C-alpha atoms as a PDB file:
ATOM      1  CA  UNK A   1     -53.746 -44.802   0.323  1.00  0.00           C
ATOM      2  CA  UNK A   2     -54.423 -47.918   2.584  1.00  0.00           C
ATOM      3  CA  UNK A   3     -55.819 -47.684   5.927  1.00  0.00           C
ATOM      4  CA  UNK A   4     -52.525 -48.339   7.977  1.00  0.00           C
ATOM      5  CA  UNK A   5     -50.943 -45.401   6.161  1.00  0.00           C
ATOM      6  CA  UNK A   6     -54.122 -43.069   6.896  1.00  0.00           C
ATOM      7  CA  UNK A   7     -53.886 -43.879  10.629  1.00  0.00           C
ATOM      8  CA  UNK A   8     -50.165 -43.252  10.560  1.00  0.00           C
ATOM      9  CA  UNK A   9     -50.839 -39.655   9.202  1.00  0.00           C
ATOM     10  CA  UNK A  10     -53.160 -39.027  11.879  1.00  0.00           C
ATOM     11  CA  UNK A  11     -51.087 -40.348  14.432  1.00  0.00           C
ATOM     12  CA  UNK A  12     -48.240 -38.209  13.411  1.00  0.00           C
ATOM     13  CA  UNK A  13     -50.325 -35.068  13.295  1.00  0.00           C
ATOM     14  CA  UNK A  14     -51.492 -35.752  16.632  1.00  0.00           C
ATOM     15  CA  UNK A  15     -47.670 -36.426  17.932  1.00  0.00           C
ATOM     16  CA  UNK A  16     -46.683 -33.243  16.264  1.00  0.00           C
ATOM     17  CA  UNK A  17     -49.597 -31.209  17.756  1.00  0.00           C
ATOM     18  CA  UNK A  18     -48.581 -32.516  21.241  1.00  0.00           C
ATOM     19  CA  UNK A  19     -44.829 -31.762  20.570  1.00  0.00           C
ATOM     20  CA  UNK A  20     -45.555 -28.063  19.408  1.00  0.00           C
ATOM     21  CA  UNK A  21     -48.200 -27.707  22.486  1.00  0.00           C
ATOM     22  CA  UNK A  22     -45.370 -28.626  25.017  1.00  0.00           C
ATOM     23  CA  UNK A  23     -42.913 -26.263  23.174  1.00  0.00           C
ATOM     24  CA  UNK A  24     -45.354 -23.499  23.414  1.00  0.00           C
ATOM     25  CA  UNK A  25     -46.409 -23.065  19.860  1.00  0.00           C
ATOM     26  CA  UNK A  26     -50.167 -22.755  20.606  1.00  0.00           C
ATOM     27  CA  UNK A  27     -51.350 -21.710  17.387  1.00  0.00           C
ATOM     28  CA  UNK A  28     -49.451 -24.524  15.443  1.00  0.00           C
ATOM     29  CA  UNK A  29     -50.701 -27.081  17.850  1.00  0.00           C
ATOM     30  CA  UNK A  30     -54.261 -25.940  17.421  1.00  0.00           C
ATOM     31  CA  UNK A  31     -53.752 -26.171  13.512  1.00  0.00           C
ATOM     32  CA  UNK A  32     -52.397 -29.760  13.746  1.00  0.00           C
ATOM     33  CA  UNK A  33     -54.960 -30.837  16.382  1.00  0.00           C
ATOM     34  CA  UNK A  34     -57.809 -29.626  13.980  1.00  0.00           C
ATOM     35  CA  UNK A  35     -56.219 -31.100  10.861  1.00  0.00           C
ATOM     36  CA  UNK A  36     -55.815 -34.614  12.901  1.00  0.00           C
ATOM     37  CA  UNK A  37     -59.446 -34.405  13.867  1.00  0.00           C
ATOM     38  CA  UNK A  38     -60.886 -33.449  10.316  1.00  0.00           C
ATOM     39  CA  UNK A  39     -58.559 -36.103   8.598  1.00  0.00           C
ATOM     40  CA  UNK A  40     -59.717 -38.792  11.107  1.00  0.00           C
ATOM     41  CA  UNK A  41     -63.343 -38.130  10.181  1.00  0.00           C
ATOM     42  CA  UNK A  42     -62.617 -38.348   6.666  1.00  0.00           C
ATOM     43  CA  UNK A  43     -60.907 -41.803   7.071  1.00  0.00           C
ATOM     44  CA  UNK A  44     -63.911 -43.162   9.222  1.00  0.00           C
ATOM     45  CA  UNK A  45     -66.305 -41.920   6.778  1.00  0.00           C
ATOM     46  CA  UNK A  46     -64.452 -43.824   4.020  1.00  0.00           C
ATOM     47  CA  UNK A  47     -64.432 -46.659   6.109  1.00  0.00           C
ATOM     48  CA  UNK A  48     -68.220 -46.673   6.827  1.00  0.00           C
ATOM     49  CA  UNK A  49     -69.043 -46.219   3.216  1.00  0.00           C
ATOM     50  CA  UNK A  50     -66.952 -49.257   2.118  1.00  0.00           C
END
């Protein structure tokens, strides 16, 4: 997958986390924020290695 697609996935996870936080689903928002952070670190690590 190319870099813009990876960044869009991180952005979508983050926006979904904000939306679920606003609607009161705190456990789901925590999972979405954590997965966005982990996936973002994976993407940045791949950029540094290449």
